[in-house]
């Protein structure tokens, strides 16, 4: 079992979750934080089953930061 970091965003319409450290696009969504996590977990499992261990990035992400800038 591998630990995967997940970003969860809250939007007016609900929650969106996506993993870090996977090749390709994997997204989950839900009306609640928990639903979005469950959906992305299911999507990650399917992604790895479909593409194998090659879907995982070679290097582990040690730490994740969220920053905000004005542009």
PDB file of N, CA and C in Angstrom:
ATOM      1  N   UNK A   1       0.847  -1.180   0.000  1.00  0.00           N
ATOM      2  CA  UNK A   1       0.000   0.000   0.000  1.00  0.00           C
ATOM      3  C   UNK A   1       0.893   1.244   0.000  1.00  0.00           C
ATOM      4  N   UNK A   2       0.552   2.195  -0.837  1.00  0.00           N
ATOM      5  CA  UNK A   2       1.339   3.424  -0.981  1.00  0.00           C
ATOM      6  C   UNK A   2       0.505   4.610  -0.512  1.00  0.00           C
ATOM      7  N   UNK A   3       1.126   5.493   0.243  1.00  0.00           N
ATOM      8  CA  UNK A   3       0.477   6.734   0.663  1.00  0.00           C
ATOM      9  C   UNK A   3       0.572   7.737  -0.487  1.00  0.00           C
ATOM     10  N   UNK A   4      -0.551   8.365  -0.827  1.00  0.00           N
ATOM     11  CA  UNK A   4      -0.596   9.350  -1.905  1.00  0.00           C
ATOM     12  C   UNK A   4      -1.191  10.633  -1.346  1.00  0.00           C
ATOM     13  N   UNK A   5      -0.534  11.742  -1.606  1.00  0.00           N
ATOM     14  CA  UNK A   5      -1.034  13.041  -1.168  1.00  0.00           C
ATOM     15  C   UNK A   5      -2.167  13.489  -2.102  1.00  0.00           C
ATOM     16  N   UNK A   6      -3.217  14.015  -1.504  1.00  0.00           N
ATOM     17  CA  UNK A   6      -4.398  14.446  -2.248  1.00  0.00           C
ATOM     18  C   UNK A   6      -4.643  15.932  -1.987  1.00  0.00           C
ATOM     19  N   UNK A   7      -4.896  16.675  -3.039  1.00  0.00           N
ATOM     20  CA  UNK A   7      -5.326  18.070  -2.934  1.00  0.00           C
ATOM     21  C   UNK A   7      -6.853  18.072  -3.011  1.00  0.00           C
ATOM     22  N   UNK A   8      -7.489  18.757  -2.082  1.00  0.00           N
ATOM     23  CA  UNK A   8      -8.949  18.880  -2.098  1.00  0.00           C
ATOM     24  C   UNK A   8      -9.290  20.357  -2.163  1.00  0.00           C
ATOM     25  N   UNK A   9     -10.097  20.701  -3.149  1.00  0.00           N
ATOM     26  CA  UNK A   9     -10.528  22.093  -3.321  1.00  0.00           C
ATOM     27  C   UNK A   9     -12.029  22.193  -3.059  1.00  0.00           C
ATOM     28  N   UNK A  10     -12.425  23.238  -2.346  1.00  0.00           N
ATOM     29  CA  UNK A  10     -13.845  23.495  -2.110  1.00  0.00           C
ATOM     30  C   UNK A  10     -14.300  24.567  -3.097  1.00  0.00           C
ATOM     31  N   UNK A  11     -15.321  24.245  -3.858  1.00  0.00           N
ATOM     32  CA  UNK A  11     -15.912  25.156  -4.846  1.00  0.00           C
ATOM     33  C   UNK A  11     -17.371  25.402  -4.466  1.00  0.00           C
ATOM     34  N   UNK A  12     -17.996  26.422  -5.031  1.00  0.00           N
ATOM     35  CA  UNK A  12     -19.415  26.664  -4.729  1.00  0.00           C
ATOM     36  C   UNK A  12     -20.309  25.451  -5.054  1.00  0.00           C
ATOM     37  N   UNK A  13     -19.900  24.652  -6.057  1.00  0.00           N
ATOM     38  CA  UNK A  13     -20.711  23.510  -6.490  1.00  0.00           C
ATOM     39  C   UNK A  13     -20.387  22.228  -5.735  1.00  0.00           C
ATOM     40  N   UNK A  14     -19.317  22.211  -4.935  1.00  0.00           N
ATOM     41  CA  UNK A  14     -18.926  20.995  -4.233  1.00  0.00           C
ATOM     42  C   UNK A  14     -17.418  20.917  -4.097  1.00  0.00           C
ATOM     43  N   UNK A  15     -16.902  19.711  -3.956  1.00  0.00           N
ATOM     44  CA  UNK A  15     -15.469  19.491  -3.732  1.00  0.00           C
ATOM     45  C   UNK A  15     -14.842  18.750  -4.910  1.00  0.00           C
ATOM     46  N   UNK A  16     -13.594  19.090  -5.194  1.00  0.00           N
ATOM     47  CA  UNK A  16     -12.806  18.425  -6.224  1.00  0.00           C
ATOM     48  C   UNK A  16     -11.518  17.956  -5.561  1.00  0.00           C
ATOM     49  N   UNK A  17     -11.126  16.711  -5.846  1.00  0.00           N
ATOM     50  CA  UNK A  17      -9.913  16.153  -5.257  1.00  0.00           C
ATOM     51  C   UNK A  17      -9.049  15.547  -6.344  1.00  0.00           C
ATOM     52  N   UNK A  18      -7.736  15.755  -6.239  1.00  0.00           N
ATOM     53  CA  UNK A  18      -6.828  15.140  -7.196  1.00  0.00           C
ATOM     54  C   UNK A  18      -5.520  14.780  -6.503  1.00  0.00           C
ATOM     55  N   UNK A  19      -4.914  13.680  -6.950  1.00  0.00           N
ATOM     56  CA  UNK A  19      -3.687  13.207  -6.313  1.00  0.00           C
ATOM     57  C   UNK A  19      -2.447  13.869  -6.885  1.00  0.00           C
ATOM     58  N   UNK A  20      -1.397  13.859  -6.089  1.00  0.00           N
ATOM     59  CA  UNK A  20      -0.074  14.275  -6.534  1.00  0.00           C
ATOM     60  C   UNK A  20       0.760  13.010  -6.705  1.00  0.00           C
ATOM     61  N   UNK A  21       1.644  13.020  -7.679  1.00  0.00           N
ATOM     62  CA  UNK A  21       2.562  11.895  -7.840  1.00  0.00           C
ATOM     63  C   UNK A  21       2.068  10.790  -8.747  1.00  0.00           C
ATOM     64  N   UNK A  22       1.030  11.051  -9.525  1.00  0.00           N
ATOM     65  CA  UNK A  22       0.561  10.079 -10.518  1.00  0.00           C
ATOM     66  C   UNK A  22       0.746  10.658 -11.909  1.00  0.00           C
ATOM     67  N   UNK A  23       1.096   9.813 -12.843  1.00  0.00           N
ATOM     68  CA  UNK A  23       1.171  10.232 -14.239  1.00  0.00           C
ATOM     69  C   UNK A  23      -0.238  10.165 -14.816  1.00  0.00           C
ATOM     70  N   UNK A  24      -0.609  11.173 -15.567  1.00  0.00           N
ATOM     71  CA  UNK A  24      -1.950  11.215 -16.136  1.00  0.00           C
ATOM     72  C   UNK A  24      -2.871  12.074 -15.284  1.00  0.00           C
ATOM     73  N   UNK A  25      -4.127  12.095 -15.667  1.00  0.00           N
ATOM     74  CA  UNK A  25      -5.104  12.937 -14.980  1.00  0.00           C
ATOM     75  C   UNK A  25      -6.070  12.044 -14.207  1.00  0.00           C
ATOM     76  N   UNK A  26      -6.165  12.290 -12.910  1.00  0.00           N
ATOM     77  CA  UNK A  26      -7.091  11.562 -12.043  1.00  0.00           C
ATOM     78  C   UNK A  26      -7.783  12.599 -11.169  1.00  0.00           C
ATOM     79  N   UNK A  27      -9.117  12.602 -11.184  1.00  0.00           N
ATOM     80  CA  UNK A  27      -9.879  13.594 -10.428  1.00  0.00           C
ATOM     81  C   UNK A  27     -11.078  12.908  -9.782  1.00  0.00           C
ATOM     82  N   UNK A  28     -11.400  13.346  -8.582  1.00  0.00           N
ATOM     83  CA  UNK A  28     -12.615  12.903  -7.917  1.00  0.00           C
ATOM     84  C   UNK A  28     -13.423  14.120  -7.533  1.00  0.00           C
ATOM     85  N   UNK A  29     -14.733  13.923  -7.358  1.00  0.00           N
ATOM     86  CA  UNK A  29     -15.574  15.042  -6.960  1.00  0.00           C
ATOM     87  C   UNK A  29     -16.700  14.548  -6.077  1.00  0.00           C
ATOM     88  N   UNK A  30     -17.307  15.477  -5.348  1.00  0.00           N
ATOM     89  CA  UNK A  30     -18.428  15.121  -4.493  1.00  0.00           C
ATOM     90  C   UNK A  30     -19.046  16.348  -3.870  1.00  0.00           C
ATOM     91  N   UNK A  31     -20.205  16.142  -3.291  1.00  0.00           N
ATOM     92  CA  UNK A  31     -20.891  17.237  -2.608  1.00  0.00           C
ATOM     93  C   UNK A  31     -20.238  17.550  -1.268  1.00  0.00           C
ATOM     94  N   UNK A  32     -19.502  16.564  -0.712  1.00  0.00           N
ATOM     95  CA  UNK A  32     -18.814  16.762   0.559  1.00  0.00           C
ATOM     96  C   UNK A  32     -17.335  16.417   0.396  1.00  0.00           C
ATOM     97  N   UNK A  33     -16.546  16.828   1.368  1.00  0.00           N
ATOM     98  CA  UNK A  33     -15.112  16.514   1.406  1.00  0.00           C
ATOM     99  C   UNK A  33     -14.918  14.992   1.361  1.00  0.00           C
ATOM    100  N   UNK A  34     -15.674  14.278   2.182  1.00  0.00           N
ATOM    101  CA  UNK A  34     -15.543  12.826   2.270  1.00  0.00           C
ATOM    102  C   UNK A  34     -15.919  12.144   0.951  1.00  0.00           C
ATOM    103  N   UNK A  35     -16.971  12.632   0.287  1.00  0.00           N
ATOM    104  CA  UNK A  35     -17.378  12.060  -1.002  1.00  0.00           C
ATOM    105  C   UNK A  35     -16.292  12.263  -2.053  1.00  0.00           C
ATOM    106  N   UNK A  36     -15.688  13.436  -2.060  1.00  0.00           N
ATOM    107  CA  UNK A  36     -14.622  13.715  -3.027  1.00  0.00           C
ATOM    108  C   UNK A  36     -13.419  12.814  -2.771  1.00  0.00           C
ATOM    109  N   UNK A  37     -13.045  12.594  -1.505  1.00  0.00           N
ATOM    110  CA  UNK A  37     -11.932  11.694  -1.186  1.00  0.00           C
ATOM    111  C   UNK A  37     -12.248  10.262  -1.594  1.00  0.00           C
ATOM    112  N   UNK A  38     -13.453   9.805  -1.321  1.00  0.00           N
ATOM    113  CA  UNK A  38     -13.834   8.445  -1.702  1.00  0.00           C
ATOM    114  C   UNK A  38     -13.819   8.286  -3.226  1.00  0.00           C
ATOM    115  N   UNK A  39     -14.286   9.307  -3.928  1.00  0.00           N
ATOM    116  CA  UNK A  39     -14.326   9.251  -5.392  1.00  0.00           C
ATOM    117  C   UNK A  39     -12.924   9.238  -5.981  1.00  0.00           C
ATOM    118  N   UNK A  40     -12.018  10.070  -5.457  1.00  0.00           N
ATOM    119  CA  UNK A  40     -10.658  10.102  -5.996  1.00  0.00           C
ATOM    120  C   UNK A  40      -9.912   8.813  -5.633  1.00  0.00           C
ATOM    121  N   UNK A  41     -10.187   8.246  -4.474  1.00  0.00           N
ATOM    122  CA  UNK A  41      -9.554   6.974  -4.097  1.00  0.00           C
ATOM    123  C   UNK A  41      -9.946   5.883  -5.083  1.00  0.00           C
ATOM    124  N   UNK A  42     -11.218   5.825  -5.429  1.00  0.00           N
ATOM    125  CA  UNK A  42     -11.694   4.858  -6.416  1.00  0.00           C
ATOM    126  C   UNK A  42     -11.037   5.102  -7.774  1.00  0.00           C
ATOM    127  N   UNK A  43     -10.917   6.373  -8.160  1.00  0.00           N
ATOM    128  CA  UNK A  43     -10.303   6.723  -9.448  1.00  0.00           C
ATOM    129  C   UNK A  43      -8.817   6.358  -9.469  1.00  0.00           C
ATOM    130  N   UNK A  44      -8.126   6.556  -8.350  1.00  0.00           N
ATOM    131  CA  UNK A  44      -6.703   6.196  -8.265  1.00  0.00           C
ATOM    132  C   UNK A  44      -6.526   4.692  -8.412  1.00  0.00           C
ATOM    133  N   UNK A  45      -7.342   3.920  -7.687  1.00  0.00           N
ATOM    134  CA  UNK A  45      -7.258   2.460  -7.780  1.00  0.00           C
ATOM    135  C   UNK A  45      -7.469   2.000  -9.227  1.00  0.00           C
ATOM    136  N   UNK A  46      -8.483   2.554  -9.889  1.00  0.00           N
ATOM    137  CA  UNK A  46      -8.755   2.196 -11.282  1.00  0.00           C
ATOM    138  C   UNK A  46      -7.585   2.573 -12.184  1.00  0.00           C
ATOM    139  N   UNK A  47      -7.019   3.740 -11.959  1.00  0.00           N
ATOM    140  CA  UNK A  47      -5.898   4.233 -12.767  1.00  0.00           C
ATOM    141  C   UNK A  47      -4.691   3.297 -12.641  1.00  0.00           C
ATOM    142  N   UNK A  48      -4.378   2.892 -11.407  1.00  0.00           N
ATOM    143  CA  UNK A  48      -3.239   2.002 -11.188  1.00  0.00           C
ATOM    144  C   UNK A  48      -3.529   0.598 -11.740  1.00  0.00           C
ATOM    145  N   UNK A  49      -4.759   0.118 -11.585  1.00  0.00           N
ATOM    146  CA  UNK A  49      -5.132  -1.181 -12.164  1.00  0.00           C
ATOM    147  C   UNK A  49      -5.012  -1.159 -13.681  1.00  0.00           C
ATOM    148  N   UNK A  50      -5.359  -0.041 -14.286  1.00  0.00           N
ATOM    149  CA  UNK A  50      -5.339   0.086 -15.747  1.00  0.00           C
ATOM    150  C   UNK A  50      -3.923   0.237 -16.288  1.00  0.00           C
ATOM    151  N   UNK A  51      -3.124   1.100 -15.666  1.00  0.00           N
ATOM    152  CA  UNK A  51      -1.801   1.428 -16.202  1.00  0.00           C
ATOM    153  C   UNK A  51      -0.648   0.782 -15.440  1.00  0.00           C
ATOM    154  N   UNK A  52      -0.937   0.118 -14.336  1.00  0.00           N
ATOM    155  CA  UNK A  52       0.105  -0.555 -13.570  1.00  0.00           C
ATOM    156  C   UNK A  52       0.924   0.415 -12.739  1.00  0.00           C
ATOM    157  N   UNK A  53       1.973  -0.121 -12.150  1.00  0.00           N
ATOM    158  CA  UNK A  53       2.840   0.678 -11.270  1.00  0.00           C
ATOM    159  C   UNK A  53       3.545   1.805 -12.030  1.00  0.00           C
ATOM    160  N   UNK A  54       3.572   1.729 -13.360  1.00  0.00           N
ATOM    161  CA  UNK A  54       4.183   2.799 -14.166  1.00  0.00           C
ATOM    162  C   UNK A  54       3.407   4.101 -14.035  1.00  0.00           C
ATOM    163  N   UNK A  55       2.168   4.034 -13.535  1.00  0.00           N
ATOM    164  CA  UNK A  55       1.351   5.232 -13.347  1.00  0.00           C
ATOM    165  C   UNK A  55       1.851   6.073 -12.178  1.00  0.00           C
ATOM    166  N   UNK A  56       2.676   5.474 -11.316  1.00  0.00           N
ATOM    167  CA  UNK A  56       3.216   6.191 -10.159  1.00  0.00           C
ATOM    168  C   UNK A  56       4.498   6.907 -10.546  1.00  0.00           C
ATOM    169  N   UNK A  57       4.656   8.130 -10.089  1.00  0.00           N
ATOM    170  CA  UNK A  57       5.899   8.861 -10.317  1.00  0.00           C
ATOM    171  C   UNK A  57       7.031   8.158  -9.586  1.00  0.00           C
ATOM    172  N   UNK A  58       8.226   8.201 -10.160  1.00  0.00           N
ATOM    173  CA  UNK A  58       9.381   7.510  -9.591  1.00  0.00           C
ATOM    174  C   UNK A  58       9.795   8.095  -8.247  1.00  0.00           C
ATOM    175  N   UNK A  59       9.771   9.419  -8.127  1.00  0.00           N
ATOM    176  CA  UNK A  59      10.215  10.066  -6.896  1.00  0.00           C
ATOM    177  C   UNK A  59       9.031  10.349  -5.976  1.00  0.00           C
ATOM    178  N   UNK A  60       9.241  10.099  -4.697  1.00  0.00           N
ATOM    179  CA  UNK A  60       8.229  10.368  -3.695  1.00  0.00           C
ATOM    180  C   UNK A  60       8.146  11.865  -3.429  1.00  0.00           C
ATOM    181  N   UNK A  61       6.940  12.363  -3.250  1.00  0.00           N
ATOM    182  CA  UNK A  61       6.747  13.761  -2.866  1.00  0.00           C
ATOM    183  C   UNK A  61       6.883  13.821  -1.350  1.00  0.00           C
ATOM    184  N   UNK A  62       7.844  14.555  -0.879  1.00  0.00           N
ATOM    185  CA  UNK A  62       8.136  14.607   0.555  1.00  0.00           C
ATOM    186  C   UNK A  62       7.184  15.547   1.281  1.00  0.00           C
ATOM    187  N   UNK A  63       6.913  16.690   0.679  1.00  0.00           N
ATOM    188  CA  UNK A  63       6.081  17.688   1.325  1.00  0.00           C
ATOM    189  C   UNK A  63       5.329  18.472   0.265  1.00  0.00           C
ATOM    190  N   UNK A  64       4.155  18.944   0.604  1.00  0.00           N
ATOM    191  CA  UNK A  64       3.323  19.698  -0.322  1.00  0.00           C
ATOM    192  C   UNK A  64       2.995  21.049   0.297  1.00  0.00           C
ATOM    193  N   UNK A  65       3.065  22.096  -0.498  1.00  0.00           N
ATOM    194  CA  UNK A  65       2.755  23.443  -0.041  1.00  0.00           C
ATOM    195  C   UNK A  65       1.667  24.032  -0.934  1.00  0.00           C
ATOM    196  N   UNK A  66       0.856  24.895  -0.374  1.00  0.00           N
ATOM    197  CA  UNK A  66      -0.094  25.671  -1.147  1.00  0.00           C
ATOM    198  C   UNK A  66       0.286  27.127  -0.957  1.00  0.00           C
ATOM    199  N   UNK A  67       0.501  27.812  -2.051  1.00  0.00           N
ATOM    200  CA  UNK A  67       0.884  29.220  -2.003  1.00  0.00           C
ATOM    201  C   UNK A  67      -0.116  30.036  -2.810  1.00  0.00           C
ATOM    202  N   UNK A  68      -0.159  31.306  -2.542  1.00  0.00           N
ATOM    203  CA  UNK A  68      -1.058  32.193  -3.267  1.00  0.00           C
ATOM    204  C   UNK A  68      -0.284  33.438  -3.681  1.00  0.00           C
ATOM    205  N   UNK A  69      -0.440  33.823  -4.953  1.00  0.00           N
ATOM    206  CA  UNK A  69       0.191  35.040  -5.452  1.00  0.00           C
ATOM    207  C   UNK A  69      -0.838  35.826  -6.252  1.00  0.00           C
ATOM    208  N   UNK A  70      -0.620  37.106  -6.363  1.00  0.00           N
ATOM    209  CA  UNK A  70      -1.472  37.944  -7.186  1.00  0.00           C
ATOM    210  C   UNK A  70      -0.802  38.101  -8.548  1.00  0.00           C
ATOM    211  N   UNK A  71      -1.600  37.964  -9.598  1.00  0.00           N
ATOM    212  CA  UNK A  71      -1.067  38.138 -10.959  1.00  0.00           C
ATOM    213  C   UNK A  71      -1.927  39.129 -11.714  1.00  0.00           C
TER     214      UNK A  71
END
